[in-house]
N, C-alpha and C. Protein backbone atom coordinates (compact mmCIF):
# COMPACT_ATOMS: atom_id res chain seq x y z
N MET A 1 -22.93 3.50 9.46
CA MET A 1 -21.66 3.42 10.16
C MET A 1 -20.54 3.74 9.18
N GLY A 2 -19.68 4.59 9.65
CA GLY A 2 -18.52 4.96 8.86
C GLY A 2 -17.36 4.03 9.12
N LEU A 3 -16.31 4.24 8.41
CA LEU A 3 -15.12 3.40 8.53
C LEU A 3 -14.48 3.52 9.91
N PHE A 4 -14.54 4.70 10.49
CA PHE A 4 -13.88 4.92 11.77
C PHE A 4 -14.85 5.05 12.94
N ASP A 5 -16.07 4.57 12.78
CA ASP A 5 -17.05 4.57 13.86
C ASP A 5 -16.93 3.28 14.66
N VAL A 6 -17.24 3.38 15.95
CA VAL A 6 -17.12 2.25 16.86
C VAL A 6 -18.45 1.49 16.88
N GLY A 7 -18.37 0.17 16.78
CA GLY A 7 -19.55 -0.68 16.88
C GLY A 7 -19.23 -1.92 17.70
N ILE A 8 -19.94 -2.10 18.81
CA ILE A 8 -19.70 -3.24 19.70
C ILE A 8 -21.03 -3.94 19.97
N ARG A 9 -21.04 -5.25 19.85
CA ARG A 9 -22.21 -6.07 20.17
C ARG A 9 -21.78 -7.13 21.17
N LYS A 10 -22.51 -7.22 22.31
CA LYS A 10 -22.16 -8.19 23.35
C LYS A 10 -23.42 -8.79 23.94
N GLN A 11 -23.26 -9.99 24.47
CA GLN A 11 -24.31 -10.64 25.25
C GLN A 11 -23.89 -10.58 26.71
N ILE A 12 -24.78 -10.10 27.57
CA ILE A 12 -24.49 -10.00 28.99
C ILE A 12 -25.49 -10.87 29.73
N SER A 13 -24.97 -11.80 30.54
CA SER A 13 -25.84 -12.62 31.37
C SER A 13 -25.73 -12.09 32.80
N SER A 14 -26.85 -11.64 33.33
CA SER A 14 -26.85 -11.04 34.65
C SER A 14 -28.21 -11.25 35.30
N GLN A 15 -28.22 -11.26 36.62
CA GLN A 15 -29.46 -11.38 37.37
C GLN A 15 -30.08 -10.02 37.65
N LYS A 16 -29.39 -8.96 37.32
CA LYS A 16 -29.88 -7.62 37.55
C LYS A 16 -30.97 -7.25 36.55
N SER A 17 -31.71 -6.20 36.87
CA SER A 17 -32.73 -5.73 35.94
C SER A 17 -32.09 -4.87 34.86
N LYS A 18 -32.86 -4.57 33.85
CA LYS A 18 -32.37 -3.79 32.72
C LYS A 18 -31.94 -2.39 33.17
N GLU A 19 -32.72 -1.77 34.05
CA GLU A 19 -32.42 -0.43 34.52
C GLU A 19 -31.14 -0.41 35.36
N GLU A 20 -30.93 -1.46 36.17
CA GLU A 20 -29.71 -1.53 36.99
C GLU A 20 -28.47 -1.67 36.12
N ILE A 21 -28.56 -2.49 35.09
CA ILE A 21 -27.41 -2.68 34.19
C ILE A 21 -27.12 -1.39 33.44
N LEU A 22 -28.16 -0.71 32.96
CA LEU A 22 -27.97 0.55 32.24
C LEU A 22 -27.38 1.62 33.16
N ALA A 23 -27.81 1.65 34.42
CA ALA A 23 -27.24 2.60 35.39
C ALA A 23 -25.78 2.30 35.68
N THR A 24 -25.42 1.01 35.76
CA THR A 24 -24.04 0.62 36.00
C THR A 24 -23.15 1.00 34.81
N ILE A 25 -23.65 0.75 33.62
CA ILE A 25 -22.89 1.13 32.41
C ILE A 25 -22.72 2.64 32.36
N GLU A 26 -23.77 3.37 32.68
CA GLU A 26 -23.70 4.83 32.66
C GLU A 26 -22.67 5.34 33.67
N LYS A 27 -22.65 4.74 34.85
CA LYS A 27 -21.71 5.17 35.89
C LYS A 27 -20.26 4.93 35.46
N LYS A 28 -20.00 3.78 34.82
CA LYS A 28 -18.63 3.45 34.41
C LYS A 28 -18.15 4.30 33.23
N ILE A 29 -19.04 4.54 32.27
CA ILE A 29 -18.63 5.20 31.04
C ILE A 29 -18.73 6.73 31.16
N LYS A 30 -19.55 7.22 32.08
CA LYS A 30 -19.77 8.66 32.21
C LYS A 30 -18.49 9.41 32.58
N VAL A 31 -17.53 8.73 33.15
CA VAL A 31 -16.25 9.36 33.52
C VAL A 31 -15.53 9.90 32.29
N PHE A 32 -15.68 9.23 31.16
CA PHE A 32 -14.98 9.63 29.94
C PHE A 32 -15.75 10.65 29.12
N SER A 33 -16.99 10.96 29.51
CA SER A 33 -17.81 11.89 28.74
C SER A 33 -17.76 13.27 29.36
N GLU A 34 -17.67 14.29 28.51
CA GLU A 34 -17.59 15.65 28.99
C GLU A 34 -18.97 16.26 29.20
N GLU A 35 -20.00 15.69 28.62
CA GLU A 35 -21.36 16.18 28.75
C GLU A 35 -22.20 15.19 29.54
N THR A 36 -23.36 15.63 30.00
CA THR A 36 -24.24 14.74 30.75
C THR A 36 -24.91 13.76 29.81
N SER A 37 -25.21 12.60 30.34
CA SER A 37 -25.83 11.55 29.53
C SER A 37 -27.35 11.71 29.54
N GLN A 38 -27.97 11.13 28.53
CA GLN A 38 -29.43 11.16 28.40
C GLN A 38 -29.91 9.76 28.14
N ILE A 39 -31.10 9.45 28.68
CA ILE A 39 -31.72 8.16 28.39
C ILE A 39 -33.02 8.43 27.65
N LYS A 40 -33.10 7.92 26.40
CA LYS A 40 -34.29 8.07 25.57
C LYS A 40 -34.66 6.71 25.01
N ASN A 41 -35.87 6.26 25.29
CA ASN A 41 -36.39 4.98 24.78
C ASN A 41 -35.46 3.82 25.09
N ASN A 42 -35.03 3.71 26.33
CA ASN A 42 -34.11 2.66 26.79
C ASN A 42 -32.78 2.68 26.05
N THR A 43 -32.40 3.83 25.54
CA THR A 43 -31.11 4.01 24.88
C THR A 43 -30.35 5.11 25.61
N LEU A 44 -29.14 4.80 26.02
CA LEU A 44 -28.29 5.76 26.72
C LEU A 44 -27.46 6.50 25.68
N LEU A 45 -27.54 7.83 25.69
CA LEU A 45 -26.81 8.65 24.74
C LEU A 45 -25.73 9.42 25.48
N LEU A 46 -24.49 9.25 25.05
CA LEU A 46 -23.34 9.97 25.61
C LEU A 46 -22.66 10.76 24.50
N ASN A 47 -22.63 12.06 24.68
CA ASN A 47 -21.95 12.92 23.71
C ASN A 47 -20.56 13.24 24.22
N SER A 48 -19.66 13.45 23.33
CA SER A 48 -18.26 13.82 23.63
C SER A 48 -17.55 12.77 24.47
N PHE A 49 -17.67 11.50 24.09
CA PHE A 49 -16.94 10.43 24.76
C PHE A 49 -15.50 10.51 24.28
N LYS A 50 -14.59 10.74 25.21
CA LYS A 50 -13.19 10.92 24.83
C LYS A 50 -12.30 10.03 25.68
N SER A 51 -11.79 8.99 25.06
CA SER A 51 -10.79 8.15 25.71
C SER A 51 -9.47 8.23 24.95
N SER A 52 -9.49 8.91 23.83
CA SER A 52 -8.30 9.11 23.02
C SER A 52 -8.34 10.54 22.50
N ILE A 53 -7.64 10.83 21.45
CA ILE A 53 -7.60 12.19 20.91
C ILE A 53 -8.93 12.55 20.25
N LEU A 54 -9.55 11.58 19.58
CA LEU A 54 -10.81 11.82 18.88
C LEU A 54 -11.99 11.63 19.83
N LYS A 55 -13.09 12.35 19.57
CA LYS A 55 -14.30 12.26 20.39
C LYS A 55 -15.39 11.56 19.60
N TYR A 56 -16.17 10.76 20.32
CA TYR A 56 -17.27 10.00 19.73
C TYR A 56 -18.57 10.34 20.44
N ASN A 57 -19.68 10.21 19.72
CA ASN A 57 -21.01 10.27 20.30
C ASN A 57 -21.50 8.83 20.41
N LEU A 58 -21.69 8.35 21.64
CA LEU A 58 -22.06 6.96 21.86
C LEU A 58 -23.56 6.81 22.04
N SER A 59 -24.07 5.73 21.51
CA SER A 59 -25.46 5.33 21.68
C SER A 59 -25.45 3.89 22.20
N ILE A 60 -25.92 3.70 23.44
CA ILE A 60 -25.87 2.38 24.08
C ILE A 60 -27.29 1.87 24.22
N ASN A 61 -27.56 0.73 23.60
CA ASN A 61 -28.89 0.14 23.62
C ASN A 61 -28.82 -1.22 24.29
N LEU A 62 -29.73 -1.47 25.22
CA LEU A 62 -29.77 -2.72 25.96
C LEU A 62 -31.13 -3.35 25.76
N GLU A 63 -31.16 -4.58 25.25
CA GLU A 63 -32.41 -5.28 25.00
C GLU A 63 -32.42 -6.61 25.73
N LYS A 64 -33.57 -6.97 26.24
CA LYS A 64 -33.73 -8.22 26.97
C LYS A 64 -33.99 -9.35 25.98
N THR A 65 -33.22 -10.43 26.11
CA THR A 65 -33.47 -11.66 25.36
C THR A 65 -33.95 -12.71 26.34
N LYS A 66 -34.00 -13.96 25.95
CA LYS A 66 -34.54 -15.00 26.82
C LYS A 66 -33.80 -15.12 28.15
N ASN A 67 -32.50 -15.37 28.10
CA ASN A 67 -31.73 -15.60 29.32
C ASN A 67 -30.70 -14.53 29.61
N SER A 68 -30.54 -13.57 28.72
CA SER A 68 -29.48 -12.58 28.89
C SER A 68 -29.93 -11.25 28.30
N PHE A 69 -29.00 -10.35 28.22
CA PHE A 69 -29.24 -9.05 27.62
C PHE A 69 -28.34 -8.88 26.41
N SER A 70 -28.88 -8.24 25.40
CA SER A 70 -28.12 -7.94 24.20
C SER A 70 -27.73 -6.46 24.25
N LEU A 71 -26.44 -6.21 24.29
CA LEU A 71 -25.92 -4.85 24.39
C LEU A 71 -25.31 -4.44 23.06
N SER A 72 -25.74 -3.29 22.56
CA SER A 72 -25.14 -2.78 21.33
C SER A 72 -24.71 -1.34 21.56
N ILE A 73 -23.46 -1.07 21.25
CA ILE A 73 -22.88 0.26 21.40
C ILE A 73 -22.45 0.74 20.02
N ASP A 74 -22.98 1.89 19.64
CA ASP A 74 -22.61 2.51 18.38
C ASP A 74 -21.99 3.86 18.69
N GLY A 75 -20.79 4.07 18.22
CA GLY A 75 -20.10 5.34 18.44
C GLY A 75 -19.79 6.01 17.12
N GLU A 76 -20.28 7.22 16.98
CA GLU A 76 -20.08 7.96 15.74
C GLU A 76 -19.04 9.05 15.98
N LEU A 77 -18.08 9.13 15.10
CA LEU A 77 -17.04 10.15 15.19
C LEU A 77 -17.69 11.52 15.02
N GLN A 78 -17.36 12.46 15.89
CA GLN A 78 -17.98 13.78 15.83
C GLN A 78 -17.64 14.49 14.53
N GLN A 79 -18.58 15.30 14.04
CA GLN A 79 -18.44 15.95 12.74
C GLN A 79 -17.23 16.88 12.67
N PHE A 80 -16.88 17.51 13.76
CA PHE A 80 -15.72 18.40 13.78
C PHE A 80 -14.45 17.63 13.42
N TYR A 81 -14.31 16.44 13.99
CA TYR A 81 -13.12 15.63 13.72
C TYR A 81 -13.14 15.05 12.32
N VAL A 82 -14.33 14.78 11.80
CA VAL A 82 -14.45 14.31 10.42
C VAL A 82 -13.97 15.40 9.47
N LEU A 83 -14.35 16.65 9.74
CA LEU A 83 -13.91 17.76 8.89
C LEU A 83 -12.40 17.97 8.97
N ILE A 84 -11.85 17.82 10.16
CA ILE A 84 -10.39 17.95 10.30
C ILE A 84 -9.68 16.84 9.52
N LEU A 85 -10.16 15.62 9.64
CA LEU A 85 -9.55 14.50 8.91
C LEU A 85 -9.68 14.69 7.41
N LEU A 86 -10.83 15.18 6.95
CA LEU A 86 -11.03 15.42 5.52
C LEU A 86 -10.07 16.49 5.03
N THR A 87 -9.89 17.55 5.80
CA THR A 87 -8.95 18.61 5.42
C THR A 87 -7.52 18.07 5.36
N LEU A 88 -7.16 17.27 6.35
CA LEU A 88 -5.80 16.69 6.35
C LEU A 88 -5.60 15.75 5.17
N ILE A 89 -6.62 15.00 4.81
CA ILE A 89 -6.50 14.09 3.65
C ILE A 89 -6.32 14.89 2.36
N ILE A 90 -7.10 15.95 2.21
CA ILE A 90 -6.96 16.78 1.00
C ILE A 90 -5.57 17.42 0.94
N LEU A 91 -5.11 17.93 2.08
CA LEU A 91 -3.77 18.53 2.10
C LEU A 91 -2.67 17.50 1.86
N SER A 92 -2.87 16.28 2.34
CA SER A 92 -1.85 15.26 2.11
C SER A 92 -1.83 14.82 0.65
N ILE A 93 -2.97 14.86 0.00
CA ILE A 93 -2.98 14.55 -1.44
C ILE A 93 -2.22 15.63 -2.20
N LEU A 94 -2.43 16.88 -1.83
CA LEU A 94 -1.79 17.98 -2.55
C LEU A 94 -0.28 18.06 -2.30
N PHE A 95 0.14 17.88 -1.05
CA PHE A 95 1.53 18.13 -0.71
C PHE A 95 2.42 16.89 -0.66
N THR A 96 1.84 15.71 -0.42
CA THR A 96 2.68 14.52 -0.32
C THR A 96 2.35 13.48 -1.40
N LEU A 97 1.56 13.90 -2.38
CA LEU A 97 1.16 13.03 -3.48
C LEU A 97 0.44 11.76 -2.99
N GLY A 98 -0.27 11.88 -1.88
CA GLY A 98 -1.08 10.77 -1.39
C GLY A 98 -0.43 9.89 -0.36
N ILE A 99 0.85 10.03 -0.13
CA ILE A 99 1.54 9.17 0.84
C ILE A 99 1.10 9.49 2.27
N GLY A 100 0.76 10.75 2.53
CA GLY A 100 0.33 11.17 3.86
C GLY A 100 -0.99 10.55 4.29
N ILE A 101 -1.79 10.10 3.32
CA ILE A 101 -3.07 9.47 3.64
C ILE A 101 -2.86 8.21 4.47
N ILE A 102 -1.78 7.50 4.20
CA ILE A 102 -1.49 6.28 4.95
C ILE A 102 -1.34 6.60 6.43
N PHE A 103 -0.64 7.68 6.74
CA PHE A 103 -0.43 8.05 8.15
C PHE A 103 -1.73 8.52 8.80
N ILE A 104 -2.54 9.28 8.07
CA ILE A 104 -3.80 9.79 8.62
C ILE A 104 -4.77 8.65 8.89
N VAL A 105 -4.91 7.74 7.94
CA VAL A 105 -5.82 6.60 8.11
C VAL A 105 -5.30 5.68 9.20
N GLY A 106 -4.01 5.46 9.26
CA GLY A 106 -3.43 4.63 10.32
C GLY A 106 -3.65 5.22 11.70
N PHE A 107 -3.43 6.53 11.83
CA PHE A 107 -3.65 7.21 13.10
C PHE A 107 -5.12 7.10 13.54
N THR A 108 -6.03 7.35 12.62
CA THR A 108 -7.46 7.32 12.95
C THR A 108 -7.90 5.91 13.30
N TYR A 109 -7.39 4.91 12.58
CA TYR A 109 -7.74 3.53 12.89
C TYR A 109 -7.23 3.13 14.28
N LEU A 110 -6.02 3.54 14.63
CA LEU A 110 -5.48 3.23 15.95
C LEU A 110 -6.29 3.91 17.06
N GLN A 111 -6.78 5.12 16.81
CA GLN A 111 -7.63 5.80 17.79
C GLN A 111 -8.95 5.05 17.97
N LYS A 112 -9.51 4.56 16.88
CA LYS A 112 -10.75 3.77 16.95
C LYS A 112 -10.50 2.48 17.73
N HIS A 113 -9.40 1.82 17.44
CA HIS A 113 -9.05 0.57 18.12
C HIS A 113 -8.85 0.79 19.61
N PHE A 114 -8.19 1.88 19.98
CA PHE A 114 -7.95 2.20 21.38
C PHE A 114 -9.27 2.49 22.10
N THR A 115 -10.17 3.23 21.47
CA THR A 115 -11.48 3.54 22.06
C THR A 115 -12.29 2.27 22.24
N THR A 116 -12.28 1.38 21.27
CA THR A 116 -13.00 0.11 21.37
C THR A 116 -12.43 -0.74 22.50
N LYS A 117 -11.13 -0.73 22.64
CA LYS A 117 -10.48 -1.50 23.71
C LYS A 117 -10.87 -0.96 25.09
N ILE A 118 -10.92 0.35 25.25
CA ILE A 118 -11.32 0.97 26.52
C ILE A 118 -12.77 0.60 26.85
N ILE A 119 -13.66 0.70 25.88
CA ILE A 119 -15.07 0.38 26.13
C ILE A 119 -15.24 -1.09 26.48
N ASN A 120 -14.54 -1.98 25.77
CA ASN A 120 -14.62 -3.41 26.09
C ASN A 120 -14.09 -3.72 27.48
N SER A 121 -13.03 -3.04 27.89
CA SER A 121 -12.49 -3.30 29.24
C SER A 121 -13.48 -2.79 30.30
N LEU A 122 -14.17 -1.70 30.04
CA LEU A 122 -15.19 -1.22 30.98
C LEU A 122 -16.38 -2.18 31.05
N LEU A 123 -16.74 -2.75 29.92
CA LEU A 123 -17.88 -3.68 29.90
C LEU A 123 -17.55 -5.00 30.56
N ASP A 124 -16.28 -5.41 30.52
CA ASP A 124 -15.88 -6.65 31.16
C ASP A 124 -15.99 -6.58 32.68
N LYS A 125 -15.92 -5.37 33.23
CA LYS A 125 -16.03 -5.19 34.67
C LYS A 125 -17.47 -5.24 35.17
N ILE A 126 -18.41 -5.25 34.26
CA ILE A 126 -19.83 -5.27 34.67
C ILE A 126 -20.29 -6.69 34.95
């Protein structure tokens, strides 16, 4: 996990089956994804999840525990945006003597926070 990657861990108590919960999560979150979702080994993969300016590749894993479900969402910042941020950081070091890094890191952190907030609000509706 990188500094600007999304990571969410939640416990969900529901009477529904694992497949029903995964289908509900897919239906709610698929609106923000530009590509079709895939299910591999009980893990839902969403590419190009965009709720802010930056795009993430989400991996949603749902595991059954004794009385509830353990949900883990890992979102990795797409490589294209990592390269753009790296280029901006290098340019800010050269032209602003490092002061521009504060703005770039602040912007990226706020985008991560906004994406996490959107995902949490979608999960609260389940």
